[in-house]
Every structure is written in structure tokens, then in C-alpha cells.
């Protein structure tokens, strides 16, 4: 059975390489983890509403965390709030959580964008990235957004757009920003992570499976 990881962890693994990536994989074996970004995730839908108050949002963050966690969650909310002020986002039903295998790597990614809304007649789901450790490259943003988009398309969610908001750079990465080399980059990252996970976990990698059986997108099953 594939080990499930959060989308944020997936992005981190895509960005890291060598010993830092293996160290992150070792942490997966321990399990657990602290919900560091829970305040941002739980308040994100409020931050994009018309009439939202950044002061009130910050007060809610301060009521549940302190120190550096409070600082960085507030920074993420501030970037999201600023972006939404110039747009008319209408709340929409959240997209359901799905789990997509990362090819034959032995890992599977839990996907559930923090935000779903309508903007300019389009139904949009947006995932958030809010940490500078590590900073995400354009290549990783491309791979992450491509993977998420294809995984949801395979589940029948074809009538919506997907965005990835890197709040640390105040940048929204959209489908039109996906690099033409993304499929090649995805394959390369898959092979590297597959090798590192097999060595770290001691579990032999599983052979590629038939797409029709596990309903995984053909382009991300290796």
C-alpha cells in the first residue's frame, strides 16, 4: 500500500534533492506532524470574501498560535487577502479530497485545494504554499499544478481551473504557466523520489500498474 502524504509535503519532496530529500522521507516513516499551517488553511476562505477584515483575521490567528507560527500564518493570510481585494471571488462548494498515487514510487498524494470559488464566470480551486523552506522553483510549481490538475480530471472534475498560490512570493501560478518540459521533469522527479523512498523505507518499489485498474492519470503513472 502506498504511503499517503499531504500535497505540501509532495511539493517539498519535489523541490529537495539528495540528503535533504532523504531526511524528509525519513520523517515520513516516523509519522505524525504538527499542523503548522492550520490557521491559514482554516481562515483562507474568509480572507477572499468581500468585506473581509485583515485585522479580524489576524486576531483569529493570534488566538490559536504564537511566535513564529503566528508570524508566518499572518504573512500567508496577508498575501491572500491582498490578492483577493482586487477581485470579486464568489464562494463555491469545495472540491472533494482525493488521493492520487505518484506513479509506482510507493507514495500517494492527498489533494484538497484550500479554496474553491467563482471568478469571472470560471470555477476555480486554489492550493496554497506559504513556507520559504524550501522556496519553490518554477519547475516544481509546474509539476505540482500539473499533477493536481490531471489527478482531478481523471476523477471527472474537468469543468474547473486550478491555481497554486505561492504566498511567499505573492505569485499565483496558473495552468498557462505550466512549462512545456513539465512531463519530462515529472518523470525525472518521480524516478529520483521512488529510488530514495525505496532505500529509506526498505520497501521495494511497486511495478507500474495498469491505469484502467487504479484510475490514475496515464501521464503520471510510470
C-alpha atoms as a PDB file:
ATOM      1  CA  UNK A   1       0.000   0.000   0.000  1.00  0.00           C
ATOM      2  CA  UNK A   2       1.304   3.444  -0.932  1.00  0.00           C
ATOM      3  CA  UNK A   3       2.236   5.848   1.886  1.00  0.00           C
ATOM      4  CA  UNK A   4      -0.055   8.888   1.797  1.00  0.00           C
ATOM      5  CA  UNK A   5       1.461  12.351   2.009  1.00  0.00           C
ATOM      6  CA  UNK A   6      -0.020  15.846   2.006  1.00  0.00           C
ATOM      7  CA  UNK A   7       0.256  17.994  -1.112  1.00  0.00           C
ATOM      8  CA  UNK A   8       2.579  20.414   0.705  1.00  0.00           C
ATOM      9  CA  UNK A   9       4.899  17.509   1.559  1.00  0.00           C
ATOM     10  CA  UNK A  10       4.773  16.412  -2.072  1.00  0.00           C
ATOM     11  CA  UNK A  11       5.874  19.868  -3.209  1.00  0.00           C
ATOM     12  CA  UNK A  12       8.676  19.851  -0.670  1.00  0.00           C
ATOM     13  CA  UNK A  13       9.912  16.449  -1.890  1.00  0.00           C
ATOM     14  CA  UNK A  14       9.841  17.705  -5.470  1.00  0.00           C
ATOM     15  CA  UNK A  15      11.994  20.704  -4.530  1.00  0.00           C
ATOM     16  CA  UNK A  16      14.513  18.893  -2.320  1.00  0.00           C
ATOM     17  CA  UNK A  17      17.220  16.581  -3.577  1.00  0.00           C
ATOM     18  CA  UNK A  18      19.924  14.349  -2.179  1.00  0.00           C
ATOM     19  CA  UNK A  19      20.314  14.098   1.605  1.00  0.00           C
ATOM     20  CA  UNK A  20      17.695  16.781   2.423  1.00  0.00           C
ATOM     21  CA  UNK A  21      15.065  14.802   0.488  1.00  0.00           C
ATOM     22  CA  UNK A  22      16.073  11.545   2.143  1.00  0.00           C
ATOM     23  CA  UNK A  23      15.852  13.244   5.547  1.00  0.00           C
ATOM     24  CA  UNK A  24      12.313  14.379   4.723  1.00  0.00           C
ATOM     25  CA  UNK A  25      11.406  10.838   3.667  1.00  0.00           C
ATOM     26  CA  UNK A  26      12.761   9.501   6.970  1.00  0.00           C
ATOM     27  CA  UNK A  27      10.396  11.853   8.794  1.00  0.00           C
ATOM     28  CA  UNK A  28       7.527  10.269   6.902  1.00  0.00           C
ATOM     29  CA  UNK A  29       8.411   6.924   8.452  1.00  0.00           C
ATOM     30  CA  UNK A  30       8.004   8.401  11.932  1.00  0.00           C
ATOM     31  CA  UNK A  31       4.541   9.740  11.102  1.00  0.00           C
ATOM     32  CA  UNK A  32       2.617  12.434  12.920  1.00  0.00           C
ATOM     33  CA  UNK A  33       3.495  16.027  12.180  1.00  0.00           C
ATOM     34  CA  UNK A  34       2.392  19.377  13.554  1.00  0.00           C
ATOM     35  CA  UNK A  35      -0.447  21.275  11.778  1.00  0.00           C
ATOM     36  CA  UNK A  36       1.682  24.411  11.407  1.00  0.00           C
ATOM     37  CA  UNK A  37      -0.436  25.951   8.644  1.00  0.00           C
ATOM     38  CA  UNK A  38      -3.850  25.081  10.088  1.00  0.00           C
ATOM     39  CA  UNK A  39      -4.713  28.741  10.913  1.00  0.00           C
ATOM     40  CA  UNK A  40      -4.051  29.849   7.331  1.00  0.00           C
ATOM     41  CA  UNK A  41      -5.915  26.887   5.884  1.00  0.00           C
ATOM     42  CA  UNK A  42      -8.969  27.340   8.089  1.00  0.00           C
ATOM     43  CA  UNK A  43      -9.211  31.100   7.509  1.00  0.00           C
ATOM     44  CA  UNK A  44      -8.355  31.196   3.795  1.00  0.00           C
ATOM     45  CA  UNK A  45     -11.988  31.036   2.654  1.00  0.00           C
ATOM     46  CA  UNK A  46     -12.805  34.044   4.837  1.00  0.00           C
ATOM     47  CA  UNK A  47      -9.856  36.051   3.532  1.00  0.00           C
ATOM     48  CA  UNK A  48     -11.205  36.153  -0.044  1.00  0.00           C
ATOM     49  CA  UNK A  49     -14.719  37.313   0.872  1.00  0.00           C
ATOM     50  CA  UNK A  50     -15.913  40.799   0.023  1.00  0.00           C
ATOM     51  CA  UNK A  51     -15.708  42.935   3.136  1.00  0.00           C
ATOM     52  CA  UNK A  52     -13.137  40.704   4.821  1.00  0.00           C
ATOM     53  CA  UNK A  53     -11.081  42.368   7.547  1.00  0.00           C
ATOM     54  CA  UNK A  54      -7.383  41.550   7.741  1.00  0.00           C
ATOM     55  CA  UNK A  55      -7.343  42.885  11.293  1.00  0.00           C
ATOM     56  CA  UNK A  56     -10.040  40.426  12.348  1.00  0.00           C
ATOM     57  CA  UNK A  57      -8.317  37.567  10.547  1.00  0.00           C
ATOM     58  CA  UNK A  58      -5.037  38.350  12.280  1.00  0.00           C
ATOM     59  CA  UNK A  59      -6.801  38.400  15.626  1.00  0.00           C
ATOM     60  CA  UNK A  60      -8.129  34.903  14.972  1.00  0.00           C
ATOM     61  CA  UNK A  61      -4.633  33.686  14.110  1.00  0.00           C
ATOM     62  CA  UNK A  62      -3.266  35.227  17.290  1.00  0.00           C
ATOM     63  CA  UNK A  63      -5.902  33.440  19.344  1.00  0.00           C
ATOM     64  CA  UNK A  64      -4.708  29.978  18.305  1.00  0.00           C
ATOM     65  CA  UNK A  65      -0.930  30.309  17.891  1.00  0.00           C
ATOM     66  CA  UNK A  66       2.028  32.483  18.849  1.00  0.00           C
ATOM     67  CA  UNK A  67       5.626  33.220  17.911  1.00  0.00           C
ATOM     68  CA  UNK A  68       6.963  32.313  14.505  1.00  0.00           C
ATOM     69  CA  UNK A  69       3.877  30.234  13.701  1.00  0.00           C
ATOM     70  CA  UNK A  70       1.661  33.260  14.234  1.00  0.00           C
ATOM     71  CA  UNK A  71       4.002  35.444  12.172  1.00  0.00           C
ATOM     72  CA  UNK A  72       4.142  33.194   9.137  1.00  0.00           C
ATOM     73  CA  UNK A  73       0.459  32.296   9.137  1.00  0.00           C
ATOM     74  CA  UNK A  74      -0.334  36.012   9.225  1.00  0.00           C
ATOM     75  CA  UNK A  75       2.068  36.613   6.348  1.00  0.00           C
ATOM     76  CA  UNK A  76       0.272  33.991   4.259  1.00  0.00           C
ATOM     77  CA  UNK A  77      -3.149  35.467   5.052  1.00  0.00           C
ATOM     78  CA  UNK A  78      -1.928  38.959   4.244  1.00  0.00           C
ATOM     79  CA  UNK A  79      -0.756  37.903   0.770  1.00  0.00           C
ATOM     80  CA  UNK A  80      -4.018  36.073   0.091  1.00  0.00           C
ATOM     81  CA  UNK A  81      -6.122  38.959   1.404  1.00  0.00           C
ATOM     82  CA  UNK A  82      -4.203  41.450  -0.753  1.00  0.00           C
ATOM     83  CA  UNK A  83      -4.693  39.315  -3.866  1.00  0.00           C
ATOM     84  CA  UNK A  84      -8.438  38.945  -3.255  1.00  0.00           C
ATOM     85  CA  UNK A  85      -9.077  42.662  -2.713  1.00  0.00           C
ATOM     86  CA  UNK A  86      -8.708  43.371  -6.436  1.00  0.00           C
ATOM     87  CA  UNK A  87     -11.047  40.554  -7.441  1.00  0.00           C
ATOM     88  CA  UNK A  88     -14.665  39.532  -6.953  1.00  0.00           C
ATOM     89  CA  UNK A  89     -14.386  35.971  -5.690  1.00  0.00           C
ATOM     90  CA  UNK A  90     -17.657  34.214  -5.004  1.00  0.00           C
ATOM     91  CA  UNK A  91     -17.580  31.216  -2.638  1.00  0.00           C
ATOM     92  CA  UNK A  92     -18.193  27.837  -4.277  1.00  0.00           C
ATOM     93  CA  UNK A  93     -18.659  24.324  -2.951  1.00  0.00           C
ATOM     94  CA  UNK A  94     -15.250  22.911  -2.016  1.00  0.00           C
ATOM     95  CA  UNK A  95     -13.773  20.311  -4.291  1.00  0.00           C
ATOM     96  CA  UNK A  96     -13.607  16.877  -2.599  1.00  0.00           C
ATOM     97  CA  UNK A  97     -10.376  15.453  -1.281  1.00  0.00           C
ATOM     98  CA  UNK A  98      -8.835  12.764  -3.458  1.00  0.00           C
ATOM     99  CA  UNK A  99      -5.739  10.592  -3.206  1.00  0.00           C
ATOM    100  CA  UNK A 100      -3.577  10.126  -6.306  1.00  0.00           C
ATOM    101  CA  UNK A 101      -0.736   7.624  -6.487  1.00  0.00           C
ATOM    102  CA  UNK A 102       2.566   9.140  -7.518  1.00  0.00           C
ATOM    103  CA  UNK A 103       3.176   6.556 -10.192  1.00  0.00           C
ATOM    104  CA  UNK A 104       4.998   3.485  -8.859  1.00  0.00           C
ATOM    105  CA  UNK A 105       7.021   5.465  -6.301  1.00  0.00           C
ATOM    106  CA  UNK A 106       5.267   3.928  -3.299  1.00  0.00           C
ATOM    107  CA  UNK A 107       3.789   7.308  -2.356  1.00  0.00           C
ATOM    108  CA  UNK A 108       0.299   8.725  -2.847  1.00  0.00           C
ATOM    109  CA  UNK A 109      -0.662  12.382  -2.595  1.00  0.00           C
ATOM    110  CA  UNK A 110      -3.713  13.711  -0.720  1.00  0.00           C
ATOM    111  CA  UNK A 111      -5.164  16.559  -2.728  1.00  0.00           C
ATOM    112  CA  UNK A 112      -7.668  19.122  -1.466  1.00  0.00           C
ATOM    113  CA  UNK A 113      -7.092  22.746  -2.515  1.00  0.00           C
ATOM    114  CA  UNK A 114      -7.790  25.132   0.342  1.00  0.00           C
ATOM    115  CA  UNK A 115     -10.054  27.365  -1.750  1.00  0.00           C
ATOM    116  CA  UNK A 116     -12.842  26.920  -4.280  1.00  0.00           C
ATOM    117  CA  UNK A 117     -14.544  29.969  -5.755  1.00  0.00           C
ATOM    118  CA  UNK A 118     -16.028  31.539  -8.866  1.00  0.00           C
ATOM    119  CA  UNK A 119     -14.166  34.360 -10.576  1.00  0.00           C
ATOM    120  CA  UNK A 120     -15.130  35.990 -13.862  1.00  0.00           C
ATOM    121  CA  UNK A 121     -17.521  33.138 -14.602  1.00  0.00           C
ATOM    122  CA  UNK A 122     -14.901  30.452 -14.003  1.00  0.00           C
ATOM    123  CA  UNK A 123     -14.965  27.795 -11.278  1.00  0.00           C
ATOM    124  CA  UNK A 124     -11.547  27.727  -9.650  1.00  0.00           C
ATOM    125  CA  UNK A 125      -9.777  25.674  -6.996  1.00  0.00           C
ATOM    126  CA  UNK A 126      -6.625  27.108  -5.439  1.00  0.00           C
ATOM    127  CA  UNK A 127      -3.933  25.421  -3.356  1.00  0.00           C
ATOM    128  CA  UNK A 128      -1.699  27.482  -1.072  1.00  0.00           C
ATOM    129  CA  UNK A 129       2.034  27.351  -0.400  1.00  0.00           C
ATOM    130  CA  UNK A 130       3.260  29.510   2.468  1.00  0.00           C
ATOM    131  CA  UNK A 131       6.747  28.465   3.593  1.00  0.00           C
ATOM    132  CA  UNK A 132      10.160  29.646   2.405  1.00  0.00           C
ATOM    133  CA  UNK A 133      11.803  26.380   3.458  1.00  0.00           C
ATOM    134  CA  UNK A 134      12.222  25.386   0.733  1.00  0.00           C
ATOM    135  CA  UNK A 135      11.443  28.080  -1.821  1.00  0.00           C
ATOM    136  CA  UNK A 136       9.662  26.562  -4.811  1.00  0.00           C
ATOM    137  CA  UNK A 137      11.098  26.857  -8.312  1.00  0.00           C
ATOM    138  CA  UNK A 138       9.013  27.360 -11.449  1.00  0.00           C
ATOM    139  CA  UNK A 139       9.738  23.739 -12.339  1.00  0.00           C
ATOM    140  CA  UNK A 140       8.260  22.462  -9.067  1.00  0.00           C
ATOM    141  CA  UNK A 141       5.258  24.777  -9.305  1.00  0.00           C
ATOM    142  CA  UNK A 142       4.685  23.395 -12.814  1.00  0.00           C
ATOM    143  CA  UNK A 143       4.930  19.784 -11.694  1.00  0.00           C
ATOM    144  CA  UNK A 144       2.709  20.321  -8.667  1.00  0.00           C
ATOM    145  CA  UNK A 145      -0.034  22.132 -10.542  1.00  0.00           C
ATOM    146  CA  UNK A 146       0.091  19.690 -13.461  1.00  0.00           C
ATOM    147  CA  UNK A 147      -0.152  16.699 -11.112  1.00  0.00           C
ATOM    148  CA  UNK A 148      -3.102  18.185  -9.229  1.00  0.00           C
ATOM    149  CA  UNK A 149      -4.959  19.185 -12.400  1.00  0.00           C
ATOM    150  CA  UNK A 150      -4.556  15.767 -14.041  1.00  0.00           C
ATOM    151  CA  UNK A 151      -5.471  13.858 -10.882  1.00  0.00           C
ATOM    152  CA  UNK A 152      -8.755  15.757 -10.569  1.00  0.00           C
ATOM    153  CA  UNK A 153      -9.512  15.466 -14.280  1.00  0.00           C
ATOM    154  CA  UNK A 154      -9.271  11.690 -14.010  1.00  0.00           C
ATOM    155  CA  UNK A 155     -11.912  11.850 -11.247  1.00  0.00           C
ATOM    156  CA  UNK A 156     -14.237  13.798 -13.536  1.00  0.00           C
ATOM    157  CA  UNK A 157     -13.530  17.359 -12.377  1.00  0.00           C
ATOM    158  CA  UNK A 158     -12.952  18.791 -15.828  1.00  0.00           C
ATOM    159  CA  UNK A 159     -15.007  21.968 -15.646  1.00  0.00           C
ATOM    160  CA  UNK A 160     -12.793  23.985 -13.354  1.00  0.00           C
ATOM    161  CA  UNK A 161      -9.438  25.705 -13.375  1.00  0.00           C
ATOM    162  CA  UNK A 162      -6.644  25.126 -10.875  1.00  0.00           C
ATOM    163  CA  UNK A 163      -4.241  27.620  -9.333  1.00  0.00           C
ATOM    164  CA  UNK A 164      -1.287  27.349  -6.987  1.00  0.00           C
ATOM    165  CA  UNK A 165      -0.673  30.469  -4.898  1.00  0.00           C
ATOM    166  CA  UNK A 166       2.884  30.812  -3.573  1.00  0.00           C
ATOM    167  CA  UNK A 167       2.159  33.368  -0.850  1.00  0.00           C
ATOM    168  CA  UNK A 168       5.859  33.794  -0.005  1.00  0.00           C
ATOM    169  CA  UNK A 169       6.461  35.262  -3.460  1.00  0.00           C
ATOM    170  CA  UNK A 170       2.974  36.778  -3.743  1.00  0.00           C
ATOM    171  CA  UNK A 171       2.589  34.865  -7.006  1.00  0.00           C
ATOM    172  CA  UNK A 172      -0.339  32.932  -8.427  1.00  0.00           C
ATOM    173  CA  UNK A 173       0.820  30.119 -10.708  1.00  0.00           C
ATOM    174  CA  UNK A 174      -1.839  29.184 -13.256  1.00  0.00           C
ATOM    175  CA  UNK A 175      -2.327  26.472 -15.841  1.00  0.00           C
ATOM    176  CA  UNK A 176      -0.985  28.700 -18.605  1.00  0.00           C
ATOM    177  CA  UNK A 177       2.278  28.991 -16.631  1.00  0.00           C
ATOM    178  CA  UNK A 178       2.933  25.240 -16.719  1.00  0.00           C
ATOM    179  CA  UNK A 179       6.225  24.668 -18.518  1.00  0.00           C
ATOM    180  CA  UNK A 180       6.342  22.683 -21.745  1.00  0.00           C
ATOM    181  CA  UNK A 181       9.013  20.447 -20.180  1.00  0.00           C
ATOM    182  CA  UNK A 182       6.840  19.535 -17.185  1.00  0.00           C
ATOM    183  CA  UNK A 183       6.145  15.922 -18.165  1.00  0.00           C
ATOM    184  CA  UNK A 184       9.869  15.246 -18.550  1.00  0.00           C
ATOM    185  CA  UNK A 185      10.580  16.967 -15.228  1.00  0.00           C
ATOM    186  CA  UNK A 186       7.812  14.979 -13.547  1.00  0.00           C
ATOM    187  CA  UNK A 187       9.265  11.688 -14.784  1.00  0.00           C
ATOM    188  CA  UNK A 188      12.726  12.648 -13.546  1.00  0.00           C
ATOM    189  CA  UNK A 189      11.451  13.662 -10.096  1.00  0.00           C
ATOM    190  CA  UNK A 190       9.346  10.504  -9.894  1.00  0.00           C
ATOM    191  CA  UNK A 191      12.321   8.258 -10.545  1.00  0.00           C
ATOM    192  CA  UNK A 192      14.508  10.045  -8.004  1.00  0.00           C
ATOM    193  CA  UNK A 193      11.886  10.035  -5.249  1.00  0.00           C
ATOM    194  CA  UNK A 194      10.999   6.405  -5.999  1.00  0.00           C
ATOM    195  CA  UNK A 195      14.642   5.381  -5.529  1.00  0.00           C
ATOM    196  CA  UNK A 196      15.089   7.410  -2.338  1.00  0.00           C
ATOM    197  CA  UNK A 197      11.827   6.144  -0.810  1.00  0.00           C
ATOM    198  CA  UNK A 198      12.691   2.512  -1.531  1.00  0.00           C
ATOM    199  CA  UNK A 199      16.108   2.940   0.095  1.00  0.00           C
ATOM    200  CA  UNK A 200      14.747   4.900   3.063  1.00  0.00           C
ATOM    201  CA  UNK A 201      11.708   2.754   3.817  1.00  0.00           C
ATOM    202  CA  UNK A 202      13.201  -0.604   2.908  1.00  0.00           C
ATOM    203  CA  UNK A 203      10.086  -1.361   0.870  1.00  0.00           C
ATOM    204  CA  UNK A 204      10.812  -2.495  -2.702  1.00  0.00           C
ATOM    205  CA  UNK A 205       9.198  -0.218  -5.296  1.00  0.00           C
ATOM    206  CA  UNK A 206       5.978  -1.477  -6.817  1.00  0.00           C
ATOM    207  CA  UNK A 207       5.851  -2.100 -10.568  1.00  0.00           C
ATOM    208  CA  UNK A 208       3.834   0.331 -12.700  1.00  0.00           C
ATOM    209  CA  UNK A 209       0.147  -0.533 -12.622  1.00  0.00           C
ATOM    210  CA  UNK A 210      -2.458  -0.537 -15.356  1.00  0.00           C
ATOM    211  CA  UNK A 211      -4.210   2.868 -15.479  1.00  0.00           C
ATOM    212  CA  UNK A 212      -7.613   1.306 -16.078  1.00  0.00           C
ATOM    213  CA  UNK A 213      -7.386  -0.580 -12.791  1.00  0.00           C
ATOM    214  CA  UNK A 214      -6.246   2.145 -10.397  1.00  0.00           C
ATOM    215  CA  UNK A 215      -7.774   5.113 -12.240  1.00  0.00           C
ATOM    216  CA  UNK A 216      -4.531   7.041 -12.183  1.00  0.00           C
ATOM    217  CA  UNK A 217      -3.879   9.604 -14.913  1.00  0.00           C
ATOM    218  CA  UNK A 218      -1.887   7.975 -17.688  1.00  0.00           C
ATOM    219  CA  UNK A 219       0.558  10.872 -17.856  1.00  0.00           C
ATOM    220  CA  UNK A 220       1.573  10.469 -14.212  1.00  0.00           C
ATOM    221  CA  UNK A 221       1.783   6.684 -13.969  1.00  0.00           C
ATOM    222  CA  UNK A 222       5.318   5.452 -14.506  1.00  0.00           C
END
